[in-house]
Amino acid sequence: MAQTESDPVFASGRNRLFRGDNLEILRTSIPDAVADLIYLDPPFNSDSVYVLKQPHQKSQNAGESNRGFPDVWRWNEQSQDQFDALVTGCDEKLSQLLRCIRSVVGCNGILAYVTMMTPRLQELHRVLKPTGSIYLHCDSNAAHYLRLMMDVIFGADNFLNHIVWCYGLGGSTRRRWPRKHDDILWYSRTPDGHYFDADKIPATSARMAGRDKKAPDYWLIPTLNNMAKERCGYPTQKPEALLERIIRSSSREGELVLDPFCGSGTTLVVAERLGRSWVGIDINPAAVQTAGGRLSIINGD
């Protein structure tokens, strides 16, 4: 039987790796309230096209393995149809928010991006357990819109932290302060119903010398440099240390971690190493190939 988009390209126990549109896969293949932890690193509305420079593993189709992905959003007929379906099919509060965003920004790339993200966040709310939590990774391009959407979909009372991931690498400009951080919005599914065991870091004060303390809401974790051993050439790859902090702090061994924009598979690799089950989804063939290659190394295949 031919494989369909709703079939995983890899399955072992509860672990699943899907290639395809995450909205369709969430709707057809992920049941209600199964995820203990969700982490997503979606497009940032950066207006950039990313290229996979050094694929982790060569494919038989070299053109496919080297293909990158665009993070470019434009308003068009399809966007209009999707927006109209959203505002007529969702609850009144979310419909009002979408209409308000349109009245402020107009019909442009930002609204196209918001229109793409909204139904996916709705599905993630559905699949998250009442005892679970969700970390949404974004940056200054759309963090303010995403925060409003999360407040409506997950509930403002379930907002836990706005985490700032600080890093040193990246470009600079003479016209503004260098942009050296990303934002991570953390929400629970129900008020105070989530699991949390804070990651610890070395204390820096003289009073606590030689002891550990709870990590604050700004994380000084270096991004990957060109010589990093874990680097696989995927352009938006995040450091494993970042996912280790999230997964250790917000899930227990054996629980299920879901990443619907899994990219190079860092979430899945770290979840596997820490004894969690995982589900990853990505529409980009190069991403799924790279993630699968990294997981096969971990599993010794």
Protein backbone atom coordinates (compact mmCIF):
# COMPACT_ATOMS: atom_id res chain seq x y z
CA MET A 1 0.00 0.00 0.00
CA ALA A 2 1.35 3.44 -0.92
CA GLN A 3 2.30 5.71 1.97
CA THR A 4 0.05 8.69 2.56
CA GLU A 5 0.91 11.99 4.24
CA SER A 6 -0.81 10.82 7.41
CA ASP A 7 1.59 7.85 7.67
CA PRO A 8 4.87 8.40 9.55
CA VAL A 9 8.14 7.89 7.70
CA PHE A 10 9.46 6.42 10.96
CA ALA A 11 7.59 4.72 13.78
CA SER A 12 8.86 2.87 16.85
CA GLY A 13 6.74 2.52 19.96
CA ARG A 14 5.16 5.94 20.53
CA ASN A 15 7.91 7.66 18.52
CA ARG A 16 6.78 9.04 15.16
CA LEU A 17 8.42 11.17 12.46
CA PHE A 18 6.05 12.58 9.84
CA ARG A 19 6.79 14.35 6.57
CA GLY A 20 4.03 16.67 5.45
CA ASP A 21 1.82 19.62 6.35
CA ASN A 22 1.63 19.65 10.14
CA LEU A 23 -1.93 21.01 10.10
CA GLU A 24 -3.19 17.97 8.19
CA ILE A 25 -1.10 15.53 10.21
CA LEU A 26 -2.22 17.01 13.52
CA ARG A 27 -5.84 16.73 12.40
CA THR A 28 -5.64 13.19 11.01
CA SER A 29 -2.95 11.44 13.04
CA ILE A 30 -2.61 13.01 16.51
CA PRO A 31 -5.40 12.24 19.02
CA ASP A 32 -6.74 14.62 21.65
CA ALA A 33 -4.70 15.28 24.82
CA VAL A 34 -1.69 13.03 24.13
CA ALA A 35 1.29 15.41 24.35
CA ASP A 36 2.88 16.11 27.73
CA LEU A 37 5.12 18.82 26.27
CA ILE A 38 5.04 20.75 22.99
CA TYR A 39 7.95 22.76 21.64
CA LEU A 40 7.64 24.54 18.32
CA ASP A 41 10.13 26.61 16.38
CA PRO A 42 7.92 27.74 13.48
CA PRO A 43 8.79 30.22 10.74
CA PHE A 44 9.51 33.64 12.23
CA ASN A 45 8.09 35.79 9.41
CA SER A 46 11.71 36.76 8.73
CA ASP A 47 11.20 37.44 4.99
CA SER A 48 14.24 35.23 4.28
CA VAL A 49 14.96 32.11 2.25
CA TYR A 50 17.10 29.53 4.08
CA VAL A 51 19.37 27.02 2.37
CA LEU A 52 20.62 23.71 3.74
CA LYS A 53 24.37 24.09 3.18
CA GLN A 54 25.73 20.81 4.49
CA PRO A 55 23.14 18.06 4.59
CA HIS A 56 23.72 15.57 7.38
CA GLN A 57 23.33 12.65 5.03
CA LYS A 58 23.37 12.52 1.25
CA SER A 59 20.20 11.41 -0.46
CA GLN A 60 19.84 9.64 -3.76
CA ASN A 61 18.25 12.84 -4.98
CA ALA A 62 20.92 15.49 -4.35
CA GLY A 63 18.60 18.29 -5.43
CA GLU A 64 16.08 17.27 -2.80
CA SER A 65 18.61 16.94 0.01
CA ASN A 66 20.06 20.41 -0.60
CA ARG A 67 16.74 22.17 -0.84
CA GLY A 68 16.09 24.91 1.70
CA PHE A 69 12.87 26.59 2.69
CA PRO A 70 11.35 30.06 2.51
CA ASP A 71 10.14 32.09 5.47
CA VAL A 72 8.37 34.59 3.23
CA TRP A 73 4.69 35.42 3.59
CA ARG A 74 2.54 37.26 1.06
CA TRP A 75 -1.16 38.02 1.05
CA ASN A 76 -2.95 36.35 -1.85
CA GLU A 77 -6.24 34.68 -2.77
CA GLN A 78 -5.42 31.58 -0.79
CA SER A 79 -4.63 33.69 2.30
CA GLN A 80 -7.94 35.50 1.90
CA ASP A 81 -9.87 32.23 1.66
CA GLN A 82 -8.10 30.83 4.73
CA PHE A 83 -8.72 34.02 6.70
CA ASP A 84 -12.42 34.08 5.79
CA ALA A 85 -12.80 30.45 6.85
CA LEU A 86 -11.05 31.16 10.15
CA VAL A 87 -13.07 34.20 11.18
CA THR A 88 -16.38 32.48 10.36
CA GLY A 89 -15.45 29.11 11.84
CA CYS A 90 -13.68 29.94 15.12
CA ASP A 91 -15.07 31.22 18.42
CA GLU A 92 -16.06 34.86 18.71
CA LYS A 93 -13.07 35.97 20.78
CA LEU A 94 -10.52 34.61 18.29
CA SER A 95 -12.55 35.94 15.37
CA GLN A 96 -12.50 39.42 16.92
CA LEU A 97 -8.75 39.24 17.43
CA LEU A 98 -8.11 38.25 13.81
CA ARG A 99 -10.32 41.06 12.55
CA CYS A 100 -8.56 43.54 14.84
CA ILE A 101 -5.14 42.49 13.54
CA ARG A 102 -6.39 42.93 9.98
CA SER A 103 -7.72 46.39 10.79
CA VAL A 104 -4.34 47.42 12.22
CA VAL A 105 -1.87 45.85 9.77
CA GLY A 106 -4.00 45.43 6.65
CA CYS A 107 -3.93 42.49 4.24
CA ASN A 108 -0.20 41.83 4.01
CA GLY A 109 2.50 39.33 4.89
CA ILE A 110 1.97 39.69 8.64
CA LEU A 111 -1.70 38.80 8.32
CA ALA A 112 -0.83 35.89 6.02
CA TYR A 113 1.57 34.61 8.68
CA VAL A 114 -0.99 35.00 11.47
CA THR A 115 -3.56 33.21 9.30
CA MET A 116 -1.15 30.30 8.84
CA MET A 117 -0.29 30.01 12.56
CA THR A 118 -3.79 30.30 14.03
CA PRO A 119 -5.28 26.90 13.07
CA ARG A 120 -2.02 25.16 14.00
CA LEU A 121 -2.07 26.67 17.48
CA GLN A 122 -5.70 25.58 17.80
CA GLU A 123 -4.71 22.00 16.96
CA LEU A 124 -1.79 22.10 19.39
CA HIS A 125 -4.17 23.21 22.13
CA ARG A 126 -6.32 20.17 21.32
CA VAL A 127 -3.49 17.62 21.45
CA LEU A 128 -1.85 18.96 24.64
CA LYS A 129 -2.69 17.12 27.88
CA PRO A 130 -4.36 19.06 30.73
CA THR A 131 -1.12 18.51 32.68
CA GLY A 132 1.08 19.65 29.77
CA SER A 133 2.69 22.87 28.63
CA ILE A 134 3.79 24.44 25.35
CA TYR A 135 6.89 26.48 24.45
CA LEU A 136 6.49 28.67 21.36
CA HIS A 137 9.85 29.88 19.98
CA CYS A 138 9.68 33.15 18.02
CA ASP A 139 11.41 36.51 17.64
CA SER A 140 10.58 40.21 17.46
CA ASN A 141 9.04 39.93 13.98
CA ALA A 142 5.84 38.36 15.29
CA ALA A 143 6.16 37.72 19.04
CA HIS A 144 3.58 40.37 19.90
CA TYR A 145 0.96 38.90 17.55
CA LEU A 146 1.66 35.35 18.69
CA ARG A 147 1.35 36.37 22.35
CA LEU A 148 -2.14 37.72 21.69
CA MET A 149 -3.11 34.57 19.82
CA MET A 150 -1.80 32.35 22.61
CA ASP A 151 -3.69 34.42 25.20
CA VAL A 152 -6.92 33.75 23.32
CA ILE A 153 -6.33 30.10 22.35
CA PHE A 154 -4.61 28.85 25.53
CA GLY A 155 -5.96 31.47 27.92
CA ALA A 156 -4.19 34.47 29.39
CA ASP A 157 -4.41 32.84 32.83
CA ASN A 158 -2.27 29.98 31.50
CA PHE A 159 0.64 32.21 30.51
CA LEU A 160 3.70 31.19 32.52
CA ASN A 161 6.80 32.98 31.19
CA HIS A 162 8.18 35.07 28.39
CA ILE A 163 11.65 33.56 28.20
CA VAL A 164 14.48 35.44 26.49
CA TRP A 165 17.13 33.24 24.90
CA CYS A 166 20.30 35.37 24.74
CA TYR A 167 23.15 34.51 22.37
CA GLY A 168 26.25 36.26 21.10
CA LEU A 169 26.56 35.31 17.45
CA GLY A 170 24.84 37.11 14.59
CA GLY A 171 25.15 40.31 12.63
CA SER A 172 25.15 43.91 13.74
CA THR A 173 24.19 47.25 12.21
CA ARG A 174 24.95 50.92 12.73
CA ARG A 175 21.27 51.83 12.69
CA ARG A 176 19.99 49.94 15.77
CA TRP A 177 21.02 47.80 18.75
CA PRO A 178 22.23 44.37 17.63
CA ARG A 179 19.50 41.75 17.80
CA LYS A 180 20.98 39.01 19.97
CA HIS A 181 18.00 37.16 21.43
CA ASP A 182 14.93 35.11 20.58
CA ASP A 183 11.67 34.92 22.51
CA ILE A 184 10.02 31.78 23.91
CA LEU A 185 6.41 32.00 25.10
CA TRP A 186 5.49 29.35 27.67
CA TYR A 187 1.87 28.42 28.44
CA SER A 188 0.19 25.64 30.40
CA ARG A 189 -2.95 23.82 29.27
CA THR A 190 -4.76 24.42 32.57
CA PRO A 191 -4.02 26.89 35.38
CA ASP A 192 -1.17 25.53 37.51
CA GLY A 193 -1.78 22.05 36.10
CA HIS A 194 1.59 21.65 34.42
CA TYR A 195 4.66 19.72 35.48
CA PHE A 196 7.76 21.81 36.26
CA ASP A 197 11.09 20.94 37.85
CA ALA A 198 13.34 23.93 37.20
CA ASP A 199 16.70 23.42 35.56
CA LYS A 200 19.57 24.60 37.75
CA ILE A 201 22.58 26.71 36.80
CA PRO A 202 25.71 27.69 38.78
CA ALA A 203 25.10 30.66 41.07
CA THR A 204 27.27 33.72 40.48
CA SER A 205 26.79 35.67 43.70
CA ALA A 206 29.34 35.50 46.51
CA ARG A 207 26.60 34.48 48.95
CA MET A 208 25.78 31.33 46.91
CA ALA A 209 29.30 30.55 45.73
CA GLY A 210 29.69 26.90 44.72
CA ARG A 211 25.93 26.27 44.72
CA ASP A 212 23.29 26.01 42.03
CA LYS A 213 20.20 28.15 41.59
CA LYS A 214 17.03 28.03 39.49
CA ALA A 215 17.58 29.34 35.98
CA PRO A 216 15.90 32.77 35.48
CA ASP A 217 13.69 33.73 32.53
CA TYR A 218 16.68 34.84 30.45
CA TRP A 219 18.86 32.00 29.20
CA LEU A 220 22.51 32.57 28.33
CA ILE A 221 22.94 29.60 26.01
CA PRO A 222 25.36 30.01 23.07
CA THR A 223 23.98 29.46 19.60
CA LEU A 224 25.79 27.01 17.35
CA ASN A 225 29.00 28.22 15.77
CA ASN A 226 30.36 26.84 12.51
CA MET A 227 32.68 24.39 14.29
CA ALA A 228 30.13 22.96 16.75
CA LYS A 229 30.20 19.16 16.77
CA GLU A 230 26.41 18.88 16.78
CA ARG A 231 26.00 21.21 13.80
CA CYS A 232 24.41 19.44 10.83
CA GLY A 233 24.11 22.34 8.37
CA TYR A 234 20.43 23.03 8.84
CA PRO A 235 20.08 26.83 8.76
CA THR A 236 17.71 27.29 11.72
CA GLN A 237 19.16 24.51 13.89
CA LYS A 238 18.91 25.22 17.62
CA PRO A 239 21.51 24.07 20.18
CA GLU A 240 20.77 20.87 22.05
CA ALA A 241 21.43 22.66 25.34
CA LEU A 242 18.36 24.85 24.74
CA LEU A 243 16.08 21.85 24.25
CA GLU A 244 17.68 19.99 27.15
CA ARG A 245 16.62 22.77 29.51
CA ILE A 246 13.05 22.79 28.21
CA ILE A 247 12.58 19.02 28.12
CA ARG A 248 14.23 18.32 31.48
CA SER A 249 12.30 21.08 33.22
CA SER A 250 8.85 20.44 31.74
CA SER A 251 8.53 16.68 31.21
CA ARG A 252 9.27 13.43 32.97
CA GLU A 253 10.96 10.32 31.61
CA GLY A 254 8.59 8.31 29.44
CA GLU A 255 6.33 11.27 28.63
CA LEU A 256 5.56 12.40 25.08
CA VAL A 257 7.24 15.45 23.52
CA LEU A 258 5.76 16.87 20.30
CA ASP A 259 7.53 19.18 17.82
CA PRO A 260 5.30 20.09 14.84
CA PHE A 261 8.05 22.09 13.07
CA CYS A 262 10.87 19.71 13.93
CA GLY A 263 13.41 20.93 11.33
CA SER A 264 16.73 19.18 11.82
CA GLY A 265 15.30 17.11 14.67
CA THR A 266 17.04 18.62 17.70
CA THR A 267 13.92 18.24 19.88
CA LEU A 268 13.60 14.58 18.90
CA VAL A 269 17.30 13.85 19.43
CA VAL A 270 17.28 15.39 22.91
CA ALA A 271 13.98 13.75 23.85
CA GLU A 272 15.37 10.37 22.82
CA ARG A 273 18.54 10.88 24.83
CA LEU A 274 16.57 11.98 27.92
CA GLY A 275 14.24 8.98 27.82
CA ARG A 276 11.12 10.70 26.50
CA SER A 277 8.87 9.54 23.69
CA TRP A 278 8.54 11.95 20.77
CA VAL A 279 6.58 12.95 17.68
CA GLY A 280 8.12 15.18 15.02
CA ILE A 281 6.55 16.72 11.91
CA ASP A 282 8.08 18.74 9.09
CA ILE A 283 7.00 19.50 5.54
CA ASN A 284 10.55 19.93 4.22
CA PRO A 285 12.06 16.69 2.81
CA ALA A 286 15.57 17.83 3.76
CA ALA A 287 14.47 18.41 7.35
CA VAL A 288 12.96 14.95 7.70
CA GLN A 289 16.02 13.39 6.10
CA THR A 290 18.34 15.27 8.44
CA ALA A 291 16.30 14.45 11.54
CA GLY A 292 16.12 10.80 10.55
CA GLY A 293 19.87 10.71 10.02
CA ARG A 294 20.58 12.18 13.44
CA LEU A 295 18.18 9.76 15.13
CA SER A 296 19.72 6.76 13.38
CA ILE A 297 23.09 7.77 14.81
CA ILE A 298 21.57 8.03 18.31
CA ASN A 299 19.94 4.60 17.91
CA GLY A 300 23.10 3.07 16.52
CA ASP A 301 21.55 2.07 13.18
